Amino acid sequence: MSESKPHVVIIGGGVCGLYAARKLTQAEFEVTIVEKGEGFGGLAACVERHGNFYDLGVHMLQEYDREIFEDCKEMMGEERVPVQLDARIRWAGGYYRYPLQFADMIRGMPPQRLARCVLGLFWAQFRNKVAPWEPRDCEEALQQLYGTPLYEFFFKEFTTRYWGMPPTQMSANFVRRKMPRLTAVDAIRKFLAYLGIKEKPGRSTQSALLEETLHYSREGAQALPRSIAKAVEKDGAQLVPRHVLRKVGMDGGRAVGVAVEDTHTEESREIACDEVISTVPVGALLGAIQPAPDSAVNDSVKELRYLPLVAYGLLVSKPRVLDALYVYYRERIFHRVGEPKNAGLAVKPEDHTVLIVEMTCQRGSPEWEGDPAVLDKIYEDLEAEGICTADDVVEVHMHRSETAYPVFALGYEPHFERVYDYLNGLPNLQSVGRQGGFCFPGMHSAMRIGADAAERVIERHRGES
């Protein structure tokens, strides 16, 4: 550890941690990135089999943060492939744009049901503006945003199946922080604003973009984190794969070093440092801190749960099977199917394609364990959707994430506050990113979170110099 060059240890080598390292190495800090997996990228990593790349879900670079986009564009070089957003929802017997459009509602509903849903949506928005109320749970928040008829018809069953619990057991914060609005909501909001009925700010998320250029690679999502890892290593960062966090040593309320263990040899290694940025699940971080946090903090972190994700990568003997980059499904065993070849993925043989079939589940469930009956059901549902048959599938590769999605369960907020009040009291240790910050950023937003964490480190050491 050098006085002139502070040493930052980053725990977790996903895009958040990698981009934090990018900013720190550019500021000439000494950086070590510790990652438990074989490679770097986190949820944006790929499994490579026989020259084909299988993503863990849909992960593409966006453009809205121009600073990060231009930097990533330079690092990726000619590997970057621009592609127009084309996401669909399988609903009411057809395929509709994501996010769901007002015109799609009109085409997708019987007239009587449509009238009820539109009136319910209008009444919900009118009530929000005239007499705003605080929803008690996710169900009430969805009803507040979309109206009861549309909630009952479109959102209730899918939300329950996706998260493994009814909306009455989920926090209203889920809707504010994750759920994009229908464009019909914005149309009604604008109409009511025109009449002089204005809504208080901060009551719901904004609509998802309808048209957007995304950026991918012929070698899948992993091309971006691989490019960042290469850049930070060139700038002097030390990359340590296949090591898991075992201890964060504290002295006087400050982190002074970490102990990590090789996942292959079980050999331990201690790394002294001036700062720690953690992007691993917050429970894993708190379990490693010594001396340990008090029992109230440890009890609260157990209430911050994650939803696992399983992705089946299928090599299919067809040149193309979807008319979109990815499609959401409401009534199948899978929740989303992506065809990354439509975004530029190179597939071998060229007359084949790759499908990424995603489903949320619980650890230990048949989906998580890869029960053959689950794959049979996937084939059955793919065939029912006219996508492919079991005979079309050449290879199957399953990969999993135990902590893919933070679960905003009803009543999680006081536990969240207690945990992060404790962490925020540690001056040189940050817990950030999707798992570390218990939040829902996409890949692009996760990199911004990493950049901001790095900037806090940089500013702190500028102030101390």
Protein backbone atom coordinates (compact mmCIF):
# COMPACT_ATOMS: atom_id res chain seq x y z
CA MET A 1 0.00 0.00 0.00
CA SER A 2 1.48 3.32 -1.07
CA GLU A 3 0.81 6.73 0.49
CA SER A 4 1.02 8.42 -2.90
CA LYS A 5 -1.19 5.85 -4.61
CA PRO A 6 -4.16 4.70 -2.49
CA HIS A 7 -5.18 1.10 -2.94
CA VAL A 8 -8.84 0.26 -3.62
CA VAL A 9 -10.12 -3.31 -3.47
CA ILE A 10 -13.27 -3.93 -5.50
CA ILE A 11 -15.24 -7.03 -4.53
CA GLY A 12 -17.23 -8.33 -7.49
CA GLY A 13 -16.27 -8.10 -11.15
CA GLY A 14 -19.58 -7.23 -12.79
CA VAL A 15 -19.98 -4.11 -14.91
CA CYS A 16 -20.52 -1.93 -11.83
CA GLY A 17 -17.24 -2.99 -10.23
CA LEU A 18 -15.38 -2.95 -13.53
CA TYR A 19 -16.46 0.56 -14.35
CA ALA A 20 -15.55 1.75 -10.87
CA ALA A 21 -12.10 0.32 -11.58
CA ARG A 22 -12.06 2.14 -14.93
CA LYS A 23 -12.51 5.50 -13.22
CA LEU A 24 -10.05 4.72 -10.45
CA THR A 25 -7.26 3.54 -12.72
CA GLN A 26 -7.72 6.63 -14.87
CA ALA A 27 -7.22 8.64 -11.66
CA GLU A 28 -4.02 6.60 -11.00
CA PHE A 29 -5.27 4.67 -8.00
CA GLU A 30 -4.00 1.19 -7.28
CA VAL A 31 -6.89 -1.21 -7.89
CA THR A 32 -7.50 -4.89 -7.23
CA ILE A 33 -10.72 -6.50 -8.49
CA VAL A 34 -11.72 -9.76 -6.82
CA GLU A 35 -14.27 -11.96 -8.63
CA LYS A 36 -15.53 -15.39 -7.54
CA GLY A 37 -16.27 -16.56 -11.10
CA GLU A 38 -13.93 -17.78 -13.79
CA GLY A 39 -14.37 -14.54 -15.72
CA PHE A 40 -15.65 -11.02 -15.29
CA GLY A 41 -19.00 -9.50 -16.18
CA GLY A 42 -21.48 -10.64 -13.52
CA LEU A 43 -24.96 -10.88 -15.00
CA ALA A 44 -23.51 -9.67 -18.32
CA ALA A 45 -21.14 -12.63 -18.54
CA CYS A 46 -21.63 -15.40 -21.09
CA VAL A 47 -21.18 -19.12 -21.26
CA GLU A 48 -19.16 -20.11 -24.33
CA ARG A 49 -19.75 -23.57 -25.76
CA HIS A 50 -18.37 -24.85 -29.07
CA GLY A 51 -17.77 -21.32 -30.35
CA ASN A 52 -21.23 -20.00 -29.43
CA PHE A 53 -22.00 -17.48 -26.70
CA TYR A 54 -24.99 -17.87 -24.36
CA ASP A 55 -25.98 -14.80 -22.33
CA LEU A 56 -27.57 -14.84 -18.89
CA GLY A 57 -30.58 -12.80 -19.96
CA VAL A 58 -30.80 -9.68 -22.13
CA HIS A 59 -27.98 -7.19 -21.53
CA MET A 60 -27.18 -4.44 -24.02
CA LEU A 61 -25.42 -1.08 -23.82
CA GLN A 62 -27.62 2.01 -23.99
CA GLU A 63 -26.83 5.59 -24.99
CA TYR A 64 -28.61 7.81 -22.46
CA ASP A 65 -25.52 8.44 -20.31
CA ARG A 66 -23.33 9.87 -23.05
CA GLU A 67 -20.14 9.97 -21.01
CA ILE A 68 -20.28 6.26 -20.27
CA PHE A 69 -21.53 5.38 -23.73
CA GLU A 70 -18.71 7.20 -25.53
CA ASP A 71 -16.14 5.62 -23.23
CA CYS A 72 -17.55 2.12 -23.76
CA LYS A 73 -17.82 2.76 -27.48
CA GLU A 74 -14.10 3.53 -27.59
CA MET A 75 -13.17 0.49 -25.50
CA MET A 76 -15.29 -1.90 -27.59
CA GLY A 77 -14.09 -0.54 -30.93
CA GLU A 78 -15.27 -2.55 -33.90
CA GLU A 79 -16.84 -5.21 -31.67
CA ARG A 80 -19.83 -2.93 -31.01
CA VAL A 81 -22.96 -3.67 -33.07
CA PRO A 82 -25.79 -1.05 -32.96
CA VAL A 83 -29.32 -2.45 -33.08
CA GLN A 84 -32.76 -0.90 -32.81
CA LEU A 85 -34.81 -1.80 -29.73
CA ASP A 86 -37.52 -4.28 -30.67
CA ALA A 87 -39.14 -5.87 -27.62
CA ARG A 88 -42.57 -7.52 -27.60
CA ILE A 89 -45.18 -8.82 -25.19
CA ARG A 90 -47.15 -11.96 -26.01
CA TRP A 91 -50.62 -10.95 -24.96
CA ALA A 92 -54.27 -11.40 -25.93
CA GLY A 93 -53.47 -13.72 -28.83
CA GLY A 94 -50.85 -11.50 -30.47
CA TYR A 95 -47.47 -9.81 -30.13
CA TYR A 96 -47.43 -6.21 -28.90
CA ARG A 97 -44.70 -3.65 -28.39
CA TYR A 98 -42.94 -3.30 -25.05
CA PRO A 99 -43.76 -1.11 -23.23
CA LEU A 100 -47.42 -1.76 -23.96
CA GLN A 101 -48.98 1.00 -26.08
CA PHE A 102 -52.46 2.44 -25.88
CA ALA A 103 -53.10 1.30 -29.48
CA ASP A 104 -52.10 -2.22 -28.48
CA MET A 105 -54.64 -2.16 -25.67
CA ILE A 106 -57.33 -1.23 -28.20
CA ARG A 107 -56.33 -4.05 -30.55
CA GLY A 108 -55.85 -6.61 -27.78
CA MET A 109 -59.10 -6.33 -25.81
CA PRO A 110 -62.80 -7.01 -26.44
CA PRO A 111 -64.67 -3.69 -26.62
CA GLN A 112 -66.47 -4.08 -23.28
CA ARG A 113 -63.30 -4.97 -21.39
CA LEU A 114 -61.40 -2.20 -23.18
CA ALA A 115 -63.99 0.36 -22.08
CA ARG A 116 -63.70 -0.78 -18.46
CA CYS A 117 -59.88 -0.69 -18.55
CA VAL A 118 -59.70 2.75 -20.17
CA LEU A 119 -62.24 4.21 -17.76
CA GLY A 120 -60.38 2.59 -14.85
CA LEU A 121 -57.09 4.01 -16.07
CA PHE A 122 -58.59 7.48 -16.51
CA TRP A 123 -60.20 7.37 -13.05
CA ALA A 124 -56.94 6.21 -11.43
CA GLN A 125 -54.97 9.06 -12.97
CA PHE A 126 -57.68 11.61 -12.14
CA ARG A 127 -57.78 10.43 -8.53
CA ASN A 128 -53.98 10.53 -8.28
CA LYS A 129 -53.98 14.18 -9.27
CA VAL A 130 -57.01 15.38 -7.33
CA ALA A 131 -56.61 13.33 -4.14
CA PRO A 132 -53.28 11.46 -4.11
CA TRP A 133 -53.09 8.55 -1.69
CA GLU A 134 -50.30 6.36 -0.39
CA PRO A 135 -50.61 2.70 -1.49
CA ARG A 136 -50.00 0.10 1.19
CA ASP A 137 -48.56 -2.58 -1.10
CA CYS A 138 -47.70 -3.41 -4.69
CA GLU A 139 -51.30 -4.30 -5.55
CA GLU A 140 -52.57 -0.89 -4.51
CA ALA A 141 -49.65 0.81 -6.25
CA LEU A 142 -50.43 -0.98 -9.51
CA GLN A 143 -54.10 -0.11 -9.16
CA GLN A 144 -53.14 3.49 -8.46
CA LEU A 145 -51.05 3.63 -11.62
CA TYR A 146 -53.16 1.56 -14.03
CA GLY A 147 -56.63 1.32 -12.51
CA THR A 148 -58.24 -1.80 -11.06
CA PRO A 149 -59.66 -3.33 -14.29
CA LEU A 150 -56.34 -3.22 -16.16
CA TYR A 151 -54.46 -4.44 -13.08
CA GLU A 152 -56.80 -7.42 -12.78
CA PHE A 153 -56.62 -8.21 -16.49
CA PHE A 154 -52.95 -7.71 -17.28
CA PHE A 155 -50.67 -7.29 -14.27
CA LYS A 156 -51.95 -9.36 -11.35
CA GLU A 157 -51.30 -12.89 -12.58
CA PHE A 158 -48.02 -12.13 -14.33
CA THR A 159 -46.58 -10.26 -11.33
CA THR A 160 -47.54 -13.14 -9.03
CA ARG A 161 -46.00 -15.78 -11.28
CA TYR A 162 -42.82 -13.82 -12.01
CA TRP A 163 -42.01 -12.96 -8.38
CA GLY A 164 -43.43 -16.07 -6.76
CA MET A 165 -45.71 -14.05 -4.47
CA PRO A 166 -48.92 -12.05 -4.91
CA PRO A 167 -48.65 -8.25 -5.25
CA THR A 168 -50.24 -7.92 -1.80
CA GLN A 169 -46.99 -9.32 -0.36
CA MET A 170 -44.76 -6.90 -2.28
CA SER A 171 -43.85 -3.33 -1.43
CA ALA A 172 -45.35 -0.39 -3.31
CA ASN A 173 -41.75 0.73 -3.87
CA PHE A 174 -41.43 -2.00 -6.50
CA VAL A 175 -43.78 -0.07 -8.79
CA ARG A 176 -42.07 3.26 -8.18
CA ARG A 177 -38.57 1.91 -8.73
CA LYS A 178 -39.03 -0.78 -11.36
CA MET A 179 -42.35 -0.82 -13.24
CA PRO A 180 -42.43 1.37 -16.40
CA ARG A 181 -45.65 3.20 -17.19
CA LEU A 182 -47.88 2.50 -20.14
CA THR A 183 -47.84 5.32 -22.67
CA ALA A 184 -51.59 5.58 -22.07
CA VAL A 185 -50.78 6.73 -18.53
CA ASP A 186 -48.71 9.59 -19.89
CA ALA A 187 -51.39 10.53 -22.42
CA ILE A 188 -53.97 10.85 -19.65
CA ARG A 189 -51.53 12.70 -17.38
CA LYS A 190 -50.87 15.24 -20.12
CA PHE A 191 -54.58 15.67 -20.75
CA LEU A 192 -55.26 16.25 -17.06
CA ALA A 193 -52.33 18.67 -16.84
CA TYR A 194 -53.84 20.56 -19.78
CA LEU A 195 -57.01 20.91 -17.70
CA GLY A 196 -54.88 22.30 -14.88
CA ILE A 197 -54.90 19.15 -12.73
CA LYS A 198 -51.23 18.53 -11.95
CA GLU A 199 -49.73 15.52 -10.22
CA LYS A 200 -47.25 15.76 -7.38
CA PRO A 201 -43.75 14.76 -8.56
CA GLY A 202 -42.05 11.49 -7.72
CA ARG A 203 -45.12 9.27 -7.52
CA SER A 204 -44.20 6.71 -10.19
CA THR A 205 -41.57 5.67 -12.69
CA GLN A 206 -41.33 7.20 -16.12
CA SER A 207 -42.34 5.39 -19.29
CA ALA A 208 -39.78 3.15 -20.94
CA LEU A 209 -38.43 4.43 -24.23
CA LEU A 210 -40.36 3.43 -27.33
CA GLU A 211 -37.47 3.88 -29.75
CA GLU A 212 -33.90 3.36 -28.70
CA THR A 213 -30.62 2.25 -30.22
CA LEU A 214 -28.94 -0.49 -28.21
CA HIS A 215 -25.41 -1.82 -28.65
CA TYR A 216 -24.36 -5.45 -28.63
CA SER A 217 -21.57 -7.63 -30.05
CA ARG A 218 -21.02 -10.59 -32.33
CA GLU A 219 -19.73 -12.40 -29.22
CA GLY A 220 -22.62 -11.60 -26.91
CA ALA A 221 -23.01 -9.38 -23.87
CA GLN A 222 -19.63 -10.40 -22.47
CA ALA A 223 -17.79 -8.31 -25.06
CA LEU A 224 -18.43 -5.12 -23.07
CA PRO A 225 -17.18 -6.29 -19.64
CA ARG A 226 -14.30 -8.07 -21.36
CA SER A 227 -13.34 -4.78 -23.03
CA ILE A 228 -13.52 -2.89 -19.73
CA ALA A 229 -11.50 -5.58 -17.94
CA LYS A 230 -8.84 -5.40 -20.65
CA ALA A 231 -8.68 -1.60 -20.38
CA VAL A 232 -8.38 -1.49 -16.59
CA GLU A 233 -5.75 -4.24 -16.59
CA LYS A 234 -3.77 -2.27 -19.17
CA ASP A 235 -4.00 0.75 -16.85
CA GLY A 236 -2.52 -1.25 -13.98
CA ALA A 237 -5.43 -2.91 -12.17
CA GLN A 238 -4.89 -6.40 -10.82
CA LEU A 239 -7.69 -8.82 -11.75
CA VAL A 240 -8.18 -11.73 -9.36
CA PRO A 241 -10.73 -14.28 -10.63
CA ARG A 242 -11.88 -17.44 -8.82
CA HIS A 243 -11.63 -15.87 -5.37
CA VAL A 244 -14.47 -15.41 -2.88
CA LEU A 245 -14.66 -12.83 -0.09
CA ARG A 246 -14.08 -14.25 3.40
CA LYS A 247 -13.26 -11.25 5.57
CA VAL A 248 -13.27 -7.47 5.60
CA GLY A 249 -10.98 -6.38 8.42
CA MET A 250 -12.01 -3.24 10.28
CA ASP A 251 -9.94 -1.00 12.55
CA GLY A 252 -11.45 2.04 14.21
CA GLY A 253 -14.52 1.83 12.03
CA ARG A 254 -12.52 1.78 8.79
CA ALA A 255 -11.83 -1.07 6.38
CA VAL A 256 -8.12 -1.90 6.40
CA GLY A 257 -8.00 -5.06 4.29
CA VAL A 258 -9.82 -8.05 2.90
CA ALA A 259 -9.20 -11.78 3.00
CA VAL A 260 -10.20 -13.83 -0.03
CA GLU A 261 -10.11 -17.54 -0.77
CA ASP A 262 -9.28 -19.34 -4.01
CA THR A 263 -12.40 -21.28 -5.03
CA HIS A 264 -10.24 -24.05 -6.55
CA THR A 265 -7.39 -24.51 -4.07
CA GLU A 266 -9.07 -23.01 -0.96
CA GLU A 267 -5.87 -21.05 -0.32
CA SER A 268 -6.39 -17.74 1.49
CA ARG A 269 -4.94 -14.39 0.55
CA GLU A 270 -4.98 -11.12 2.49
CA ILE A 271 -4.99 -7.77 0.70
CA ALA A 272 -4.32 -4.55 2.59
CA CYS A 273 -6.17 -1.52 1.23
CA ASP A 274 -7.30 2.04 1.81
CA GLU A 275 -10.82 1.65 0.38
CA VAL A 276 -13.31 -1.15 -0.36
CA ILE A 277 -16.05 -1.02 -2.97
CA SER A 278 -18.30 -4.08 -2.77
CA THR A 279 -20.81 -5.10 -5.43
CA VAL A 280 -21.57 -8.56 -4.03
CA PRO A 281 -24.89 -9.30 -2.29
CA VAL A 282 -25.08 -7.15 0.80
CA GLY A 283 -25.58 -10.17 3.06
CA ALA A 284 -22.29 -11.67 1.88
CA LEU A 285 -20.52 -8.39 2.62
CA LEU A 286 -21.98 -8.02 6.11
CA GLY A 287 -21.17 -11.65 6.87
CA ALA A 288 -17.51 -10.95 6.09
CA ILE A 289 -17.08 -7.77 8.16
CA GLN A 290 -15.03 -8.27 11.33
CA PRO A 291 -15.77 -7.17 13.98
CA ALA A 292 -19.30 -8.12 12.96
CA PRO A 293 -22.19 -5.64 12.88
CA ASP A 294 -24.64 -5.78 15.78
CA SER A 295 -27.41 -8.37 15.84
CA ALA A 296 -30.12 -5.93 14.70
CA VAL A 297 -28.22 -5.21 11.47
CA ASN A 298 -27.52 -8.91 10.90
CA ASP A 299 -31.17 -9.76 11.49
CA SER A 300 -32.28 -7.07 9.04
CA VAL A 301 -29.98 -8.13 6.24
CA LYS A 302 -31.59 -11.58 6.33
CA GLU A 303 -34.85 -9.87 5.30
CA LEU A 304 -33.26 -8.52 2.10
CA ARG A 305 -33.82 -11.42 -0.26
CA TYR A 306 -33.01 -12.01 -3.92
CA LEU A 307 -34.91 -13.87 -6.62
CA PRO A 308 -32.86 -16.43 -8.58
CA LEU A 309 -32.84 -16.58 -12.38
CA VAL A 310 -32.30 -19.58 -14.63
CA ALA A 311 -31.47 -19.19 -18.31
CA TYR A 312 -31.49 -22.04 -20.79
CA GLY A 313 -29.32 -21.37 -23.83
CA LEU A 314 -30.57 -23.35 -26.82
CA LEU A 315 -28.78 -23.86 -30.12
CA VAL A 316 -31.60 -24.25 -32.66
CA SER A 317 -31.27 -25.61 -36.20
CA LYS A 318 -33.19 -22.71 -37.74
CA PRO A 319 -31.78 -19.46 -39.14
CA ARG A 320 -34.27 -17.27 -37.21
CA VAL A 321 -37.34 -17.87 -35.05
CA LEU A 322 -38.43 -14.52 -33.50
CA ASP A 323 -39.44 -11.22 -35.08
CA ALA A 324 -37.96 -9.29 -32.15
CA LEU A 325 -34.87 -9.09 -29.98
CA TYR A 326 -36.84 -10.57 -27.09
CA VAL A 327 -40.42 -11.38 -26.13
CA TYR A 328 -42.13 -11.40 -22.72
CA TYR A 329 -44.62 -14.21 -22.02
CA ARG A 330 -47.40 -14.23 -19.45
CA GLU A 331 -48.72 -17.80 -19.62
CA ARG A 332 -45.67 -19.99 -20.27
CA ILE A 333 -43.11 -21.66 -18.03
CA PHE A 334 -40.60 -19.07 -19.24
CA HIS A 335 -40.96 -15.33 -18.72
CA ARG A 336 -38.80 -14.05 -21.56
CA VAL A 337 -37.20 -15.49 -24.67
CA GLY A 338 -34.43 -13.63 -26.45
CA GLU A 339 -32.83 -14.29 -29.83
CA PRO A 340 -29.48 -12.46 -29.67
CA LYS A 341 -28.71 -13.33 -33.29
CA ASN A 342 -31.24 -10.60 -34.15
CA ALA A 343 -28.93 -8.16 -32.34
CA GLY A 344 -25.84 -9.27 -34.26
CA LEU A 345 -24.65 -12.39 -32.41
CA ALA A 346 -22.55 -14.66 -34.61
CA VAL A 347 -23.87 -18.23 -34.46
CA LYS A 348 -22.18 -21.42 -35.61
CA PRO A 349 -23.35 -22.97 -37.92
CA GLU A 350 -24.59 -19.82 -39.68
CA ASP A 351 -27.97 -21.37 -40.52
CA HIS A 352 -28.64 -21.94 -36.79
CA THR A 353 -29.75 -19.53 -34.09
CA VAL A 354 -29.43 -19.20 -30.31
CA LEU A 355 -32.34 -18.73 -27.92
CA ILE A 356 -32.01 -17.51 -24.33
CA VAL A 357 -35.00 -18.84 -22.39
CA GLU A 358 -35.34 -17.17 -18.98
CA MET A 359 -37.38 -17.96 -15.90
CA THR A 360 -37.32 -16.82 -12.31
CA CYS A 361 -37.57 -19.50 -9.65
CA GLN A 362 -36.55 -20.42 -6.13
CA ARG A 363 -33.29 -22.05 -5.16
CA GLY A 364 -33.79 -25.82 -4.98
CA SER A 365 -36.86 -25.78 -7.24
CA PRO A 366 -37.07 -28.08 -10.29
CA GLU A 367 -36.25 -25.07 -12.50
CA TRP A 368 -33.14 -24.29 -10.44
CA GLU A 369 -32.00 -27.92 -10.34
CA GLY A 370 -32.49 -28.45 -14.08
CA ASP A 371 -35.11 -31.16 -13.75
CA PRO A 372 -35.63 -32.86 -17.16
CA ALA A 373 -39.37 -32.24 -16.81
CA VAL A 374 -38.68 -28.50 -16.87
CA LEU A 375 -36.86 -28.77 -20.18
CA ASP A 376 -39.71 -30.89 -21.54
CA LYS A 377 -42.15 -28.14 -20.57
CA ILE A 378 -39.93 -25.52 -22.21
CA TYR A 379 -40.00 -27.52 -25.44
CA GLU A 380 -43.77 -27.92 -25.15
CA ASP A 381 -44.32 -24.19 -24.69
CA LEU A 382 -41.85 -23.21 -27.43
CA GLU A 383 -43.68 -25.50 -29.82
CA ALA A 384 -47.06 -24.12 -28.74
CA GLU A 385 -45.77 -20.63 -29.56
CA GLY A 386 -44.59 -21.79 -32.98
CA ILE A 387 -40.95 -21.03 -32.17
CA CYS A 388 -39.29 -24.43 -32.46
CA THR A 389 -39.67 -28.08 -31.50
CA ALA A 390 -37.52 -30.33 -29.36
CA ASP A 391 -36.15 -31.90 -32.54
CA ASP A 392 -34.87 -28.48 -33.65
CA VAL A 393 -32.71 -28.08 -30.52
CA VAL A 394 -29.11 -29.16 -31.07
CA GLU A 395 -27.58 -28.19 -27.71
CA VAL A 396 -28.80 -26.98 -24.32
CA HIS A 397 -26.69 -25.08 -21.80
CA MET A 398 -28.23 -24.00 -18.48
CA HIS A 399 -26.76 -21.22 -16.38
CA ARG A 400 -28.03 -19.58 -13.22
CA SER A 401 -27.80 -16.57 -10.94
CA GLU A 402 -28.78 -17.02 -7.32
CA THR A 403 -29.15 -13.27 -6.69
CA ALA A 404 -30.45 -11.88 -9.98
CA TYR A 405 -33.25 -9.65 -8.66
CA PRO A 406 -33.68 -7.91 -5.30
CA VAL A 407 -37.10 -8.71 -3.86
CA PHE A 408 -39.02 -5.70 -2.59
CA ALA A 409 -41.14 -7.72 -0.20
CA LEU A 410 -43.79 -5.99 1.86
CA GLY A 411 -42.15 -4.40 4.90
CA TYR A 412 -38.57 -4.56 3.60
CA GLU A 413 -37.99 -0.81 3.97
CA PRO A 414 -37.02 -0.59 7.69
CA HIS A 415 -34.60 -3.48 7.23
CA PHE A 416 -33.10 -1.79 4.18
CA GLU A 417 -32.70 1.47 6.10
CA ARG A 418 -31.08 -0.22 9.09
CA VAL A 419 -28.56 -2.08 6.93
CA TYR A 420 -27.59 0.91 4.82
CA ASP A 421 -27.51 3.30 7.77
CA TYR A 422 -24.85 0.99 9.20
CA LEU A 423 -22.93 0.77 5.92
CA ASN A 424 -23.13 4.50 5.32
CA GLY A 425 -21.44 4.98 8.67
CA LEU A 426 -18.31 3.21 7.41
CA PRO A 427 -16.30 6.00 5.76
CA ASN A 428 -14.17 3.96 3.34
CA LEU A 429 -16.46 1.03 2.52
CA GLN A 430 -19.24 1.23 -0.09
CA SER A 431 -21.82 -1.41 -1.03
CA VAL A 432 -23.20 -0.58 -4.48
CA GLY A 433 -24.71 -2.02 -7.64
CA ARG A 434 -27.70 -4.31 -8.09
CA GLN A 435 -26.70 -6.83 -5.44
CA GLY A 436 -24.62 -4.54 -3.26
CA GLY A 437 -27.08 -1.65 -3.32
CA PHE A 438 -30.23 -3.80 -3.39
CA CYS A 439 -31.63 -1.96 -6.40
CA PHE A 440 -32.64 -2.53 -10.04
CA PRO A 441 -30.18 -0.87 -12.42
CA GLY A 442 -29.72 -2.07 -15.96
CA MET A 443 -26.22 -2.59 -17.29
CA HIS A 444 -25.75 1.06 -18.28
CA SER A 445 -27.07 2.40 -14.95
CA ALA A 446 -24.91 -0.07 -13.03
CA MET A 447 -21.83 1.40 -14.67
CA ARG A 448 -22.92 4.89 -13.63
CA ILE A 449 -23.33 3.64 -10.05
CA GLY A 450 -19.77 2.26 -10.24
CA ALA A 451 -18.47 5.55 -11.63
CA ASP A 452 -20.16 7.49 -8.83
CA ALA A 453 -18.68 5.16 -6.20
CA ALA A 454 -15.23 5.69 -7.68
CA GLU A 455 -15.75 9.46 -7.74
CA ARG A 456 -16.56 9.45 -4.03
CA VAL A 457 -13.26 7.65 -3.38
CA ILE A 458 -11.36 10.08 -5.57
CA GLU A 459 -12.92 13.14 -3.92
CA ARG A 460 -12.25 11.77 -0.44
CA HIS A 461 -8.56 11.28 -1.15
CA ARG A 462 -8.25 14.63 -2.87
CA GLY A 463 -9.61 16.16 0.30
CA GLU A 464 -7.12 14.25 2.46
CA SER A 465 -4.09 15.13 0.33
